[in-house]
Protein backbone atom coordinates (compact mmCIF):
# COMPACT_ATOMS: atom_id res chain seq x y z
CA MET A 1 0.00 0.00 0.00
CA ARG A 2 1.02 3.62 -0.54
CA TYR A 3 0.25 6.14 2.19
CA LEU A 4 0.40 9.94 2.04
CA ILE A 5 0.90 12.15 5.11
CA SER A 6 2.06 15.72 5.69
CA ASP A 7 3.05 18.30 8.30
CA ILE A 8 4.28 15.98 11.03
CA HIS A 9 5.97 19.00 12.65
CA GLY A 10 7.93 17.03 15.20
CA CYS A 11 4.96 15.01 16.50
CA PHE A 12 7.01 11.84 16.86
CA ASP A 13 4.58 9.96 19.11
CA GLN A 14 1.67 10.55 16.74
CA TYR A 15 3.84 9.60 13.77
CA GLN A 16 4.84 6.32 15.39
CA THR A 17 1.26 5.61 16.47
CA LEU A 18 -0.01 6.25 12.96
CA LEU A 19 2.57 3.92 11.41
CA ALA A 20 1.49 1.21 13.84
CA LYS A 21 -2.18 1.88 13.18
CA ILE A 22 -1.81 1.43 9.42
CA GLY A 23 0.43 -1.60 9.92
CA PHE A 24 3.21 0.03 7.93
CA SER A 25 5.67 -2.59 6.67
CA ASP A 26 8.64 -2.94 4.34
CA LYS A 27 6.19 -3.79 1.54
CA ASP A 28 4.45 -0.39 1.83
CA GLU A 29 5.53 3.11 0.80
CA LEU A 30 5.07 6.31 2.76
CA TYR A 31 5.10 9.70 1.04
CA VAL A 32 5.73 12.54 3.50
CA LEU A 33 4.65 15.87 2.00
CA GLY A 34 6.97 18.13 3.94
CA ASP A 35 7.17 20.13 7.15
CA VAL A 36 8.63 17.32 9.21
CA VAL A 37 10.39 19.78 11.53
CA ASP A 38 9.58 22.73 13.83
CA ARG A 39 6.91 23.39 16.44
CA GLY A 40 6.48 19.86 17.81
CA PRO A 41 8.67 18.24 20.50
CA GLU A 42 10.82 15.79 18.50
CA PRO A 43 11.53 16.97 14.94
CA ILE A 44 14.96 15.36 14.73
CA LYS A 45 13.68 11.98 15.91
CA VAL A 46 11.08 12.01 13.12
CA LEU A 47 13.75 12.78 10.53
CA GLN A 48 16.06 10.09 11.88
CA ASP A 49 13.29 7.51 11.72
CA MET A 50 12.47 8.46 8.13
CA MET A 51 16.15 8.24 7.20
CA LYS A 52 16.28 4.62 8.31
CA ARG A 53 13.38 3.60 6.08
CA PRO A 54 14.17 3.15 2.36
CA ASN A 55 10.43 3.02 1.62
CA VAL A 56 9.80 6.57 2.89
CA ILE A 57 9.75 9.22 0.16
CA PHE A 58 10.40 12.70 1.54
CA ILE A 59 8.99 15.76 -0.24
CA LEU A 60 10.49 19.06 0.86
CA GLY A 61 8.41 21.52 2.89
CA ASN A 62 9.09 25.18 3.58
CA HIS A 63 10.03 24.54 7.22
CA ASP A 64 12.42 21.77 6.19
CA PHE A 65 14.01 24.02 3.58
CA ILE A 66 14.48 26.92 5.99
CA MET A 67 16.01 24.61 8.58
CA TYR A 68 18.38 23.20 5.97
CA ALA A 69 19.42 26.58 4.58
CA LEU A 70 20.15 28.06 8.02
CA MET A 71 21.77 25.04 9.64
CA LYS A 72 23.96 24.51 6.58
CA LYS A 73 25.29 28.01 7.16
CA LEU A 74 25.44 28.04 10.93
CA SER A 75 26.62 24.51 11.74
CA VAL A 76 30.12 25.26 10.52
CA GLU A 77 32.96 26.46 12.71
CA ILE A 78 32.90 30.25 12.72
CA THR A 79 36.38 31.69 12.28
CA GLU A 80 37.77 35.15 11.68
CA ASP A 81 38.20 34.27 8.01
CA ASN A 82 34.62 33.15 7.38
CA TYR A 83 32.82 35.37 9.89
CA ASP A 84 31.55 37.80 7.24
CA ASN A 85 30.06 34.97 5.17
CA TYR A 86 28.29 33.10 7.93
CA LEU A 87 27.12 35.72 10.42
CA THR A 88 25.71 38.44 8.22
CA GLY A 89 22.87 40.56 9.49
CA GLU A 90 20.54 39.04 6.90
CA ILE A 91 21.29 35.49 7.98
CA MET A 92 20.87 36.29 11.67
CA LEU A 93 17.54 38.01 10.97
CA ASP A 94 16.36 34.96 9.05
CA TYR A 95 17.50 32.81 11.96
CA GLN A 96 15.52 34.86 14.49
CA LEU A 97 12.40 34.76 12.33
CA TRP A 98 12.74 30.99 11.98
CA LEU A 99 13.08 30.54 15.74
CA GLN A 100 9.92 32.59 16.26
CA ASP A 101 8.05 30.49 13.68
CA GLY A 102 8.62 27.22 15.48
CA GLY A 103 12.27 26.60 14.70
CA LEU A 104 13.57 26.92 18.26
CA ILE A 105 12.91 23.29 19.19
CA THR A 106 14.51 22.11 15.94
CA ALA A 107 17.60 24.25 16.51
CA GLU A 108 17.96 22.97 20.08
CA LYS A 109 17.60 19.31 19.11
CA PHE A 110 19.94 19.74 16.15
CA ARG A 111 22.65 21.26 18.36
CA GLU A 112 22.57 18.15 20.58
CA LEU A 113 23.83 16.00 17.69
CA GLY A 114 27.40 15.27 16.74
CA ARG A 115 28.85 16.78 13.58
CA ARG A 116 28.46 13.52 11.62
CA GLU A 117 24.80 13.20 12.59
CA GLN A 118 24.18 16.84 11.69
CA ALA A 119 25.78 16.37 8.30
CA ASP A 120 23.74 13.22 7.63
CA ILE A 121 20.48 15.02 8.40
CA LEU A 122 21.37 17.96 6.19
CA ASP A 123 22.31 15.59 3.37
CA TYR A 124 18.98 13.81 3.76
CA ILE A 125 17.00 17.05 3.54
CA ALA A 126 19.07 18.14 0.54
CA GLY A 127 18.05 14.93 -1.21
CA ALA A 128 14.31 15.43 -0.69
CA SER A 129 12.03 15.61 -3.71
CA LEU A 130 10.21 18.80 -4.68
CA TYR A 131 7.27 16.74 -5.98
CA GLU A 132 6.23 13.20 -6.78
CA VAL A 133 3.67 11.87 -9.25
CA ILE A 134 2.04 8.50 -8.62
CA GLU A 135 -0.78 6.66 -10.37
CA HIS A 136 -3.46 4.20 -9.37
CA ASP A 137 -6.55 2.83 -11.09
CA GLY A 138 -6.48 5.43 -13.88
CA ALA A 139 -5.96 8.37 -11.52
CA GLU A 140 -2.86 10.53 -11.20
CA TYR A 141 -1.80 12.11 -7.90
CA ARG A 142 0.56 15.08 -8.03
CA LEU A 143 2.17 15.40 -4.61
CA VAL A 144 3.63 18.73 -3.45
CA HIS A 145 4.01 20.49 -0.15
CA ALA A 146 2.14 23.78 -0.45
CA GLY A 147 0.66 24.26 -3.90
CA LEU A 148 1.79 25.36 -7.34
CA SER A 149 2.75 28.99 -7.84
CA ASN A 150 2.74 30.30 -11.41
CA PHE A 151 0.33 27.52 -12.28
CA LEU A 152 -0.66 26.59 -15.81
CA PRO A 153 -2.77 23.48 -16.54
CA ASP A 154 -0.45 22.21 -19.26
CA LYS A 155 2.78 23.03 -17.44
CA GLY A 156 4.97 20.04 -16.63
CA MET A 157 5.86 19.44 -12.99
CA ASP A 158 9.55 19.67 -13.84
CA GLU A 159 9.02 23.19 -15.23
CA TYR A 160 8.24 24.68 -11.81
CA GLU A 161 10.91 26.29 -9.64
CA LEU A 162 11.80 25.51 -6.03
CA TYR A 163 9.68 28.23 -4.45
CA ASP A 164 6.68 27.35 -6.63
CA PHE A 165 6.23 24.27 -4.44
CA LEU A 166 6.96 25.68 -0.99
CA GLU A 167 5.05 28.81 -0.06
CA GLU A 168 1.90 29.73 -1.98
CA ARG A 169 -1.15 28.03 -0.54
CA ALA A 170 -3.34 26.10 -2.93
CA ASP A 171 -6.70 27.62 -3.85
CA TYR A 172 -9.05 24.91 -2.68
CA THR A 173 -12.08 26.61 -4.18
CA LYS A 174 -10.97 25.86 -7.75
CA ARG A 175 -10.03 22.79 -9.73
CA TYR A 176 -6.50 23.12 -11.07
CA TYR A 177 -6.58 20.41 -13.70
CA PRO A 178 -9.52 19.94 -16.09
CA GLY A 179 -9.22 16.15 -16.02
CA GLU A 180 -11.26 14.65 -13.19
CA ASN A 181 -8.65 11.94 -12.67
CA ILE A 182 -5.78 14.31 -11.84
CA PHE A 183 -5.52 15.24 -8.16
CA LEU A 184 -3.33 17.88 -6.53
CA VAL A 185 -2.27 16.54 -3.13
CA THR A 186 -0.97 19.10 -0.63
CA GLY A 187 -0.10 19.84 2.96
CA HIS A 188 0.93 23.27 4.32
CA THR A 189 -2.58 24.70 4.77
CA PRO A 190 -4.37 23.32 7.85
CA THR A 191 -7.67 21.93 6.64
CA VAL A 192 -9.50 23.77 9.43
CA LEU A 193 -8.65 26.98 7.54
CA ILE A 194 -10.09 25.90 4.20
CA PRO A 195 -13.17 28.05 3.49
CA GLY A 196 -16.38 26.11 3.91
CA TRP A 197 -14.62 23.12 5.48
CA GLY A 198 -13.32 24.10 8.91
CA LYS A 199 -12.58 20.55 10.10
CA ALA A 200 -9.38 18.82 11.15
CA GLU A 201 -10.04 16.15 8.55
CA VAL A 202 -8.66 15.46 5.08
CA TYR A 203 -10.33 17.68 2.47
CA ARG A 204 -11.31 16.13 -0.88
CA GLU A 205 -13.09 18.52 -3.23
CA HIS A 206 -12.45 20.17 -6.63
CA GLY A 207 -9.62 17.79 -7.49
CA HIS A 208 -7.77 18.47 -4.23
CA ILE A 209 -6.62 16.19 -1.45
CA ALA A 210 -5.47 18.36 1.47
CA LEU A 211 -3.70 16.40 4.21
CA ASP A 212 -2.59 18.88 6.89
CA CYS A 213 -5.02 18.26 9.73
CA ALA A 214 -3.05 20.42 12.18
CA CYS A 215 -1.68 17.67 14.38
CA VAL A 216 0.79 19.92 16.18
CA ALA A 217 -2.02 22.35 17.06
CA GLY A 218 -4.18 19.62 18.61
CA GLY A 219 -5.86 18.41 15.43
CA LYS A 220 -4.98 15.08 13.83
CA LEU A 221 -2.22 13.37 11.90
CA ALA A 222 -3.73 11.75 8.82
CA ALA A 223 -2.63 9.02 6.44
CA PHE A 224 -4.40 8.72 3.08
CA CYS A 225 -4.13 5.29 1.44
CA VAL A 226 -3.94 5.56 -2.34
CA GLU A 227 -5.11 2.01 -3.02
CA THR A 228 -8.12 1.94 -0.65
CA GLN A 229 -8.94 5.70 -0.63
CA GLN A 230 -9.31 5.42 3.15
CA VAL A 231 -8.02 7.96 5.67
CA ILE A 232 -6.58 6.85 8.99
CA TYR A 233 -6.25 9.37 11.82
CA VAL A 234 -4.35 9.73 15.05
CA ASP A 235 -5.40 12.41 17.50
CA GLY A 236 -2.90 15.21 18.02
CA ASN A 237 -3.37 15.19 21.78
CA ILE A 238 -2.16 11.67 22.54
């Protein structure tokens, strides 16, 4: 079976409980649609668990990208020679903004690691996909983190740029692709904020499948099974 989840945000206990609940095995595949880190209590433990599983496909989220970009800069030894390159005012401002947006717990847990472990995690994030396309029973599922900026219906997925996948929230009121068998699958936007929906449950309308059920804010962590079309939930308050 293939399962799709998003926005784990450091909720390691819920992540583990959900894997157990779906009976996740080496024969299955898990697509994680970004925002593994920040806000929740154990972001690094979630990443380390994913790294050990060859059947987990990691799609980059905006929080993961920010963590990578900043830690890549700041996890080096600062010397007099490289001071101007690594501790610029712009970088330190970005760092402060990240900490305020949930990055503090990630930064703290990352600093507890040895240099080799830090490098392995950064390499893993650097190798994440920007998107994945999977098919089942005549339907095509286009998996991204946030949405598709600069969208055109006939534009190939490989024609989009990095930031097209990471920041702009999908418009859940409109169908992106004219074909009824093409689905845009996203995280990033908590489903409770989707107009006319307002529930911490997976949203499936207008050719969308929205998976971010706001686990870290007390909602749910959801897994959508491609083959059965079922959704399995774990409560965010366990």
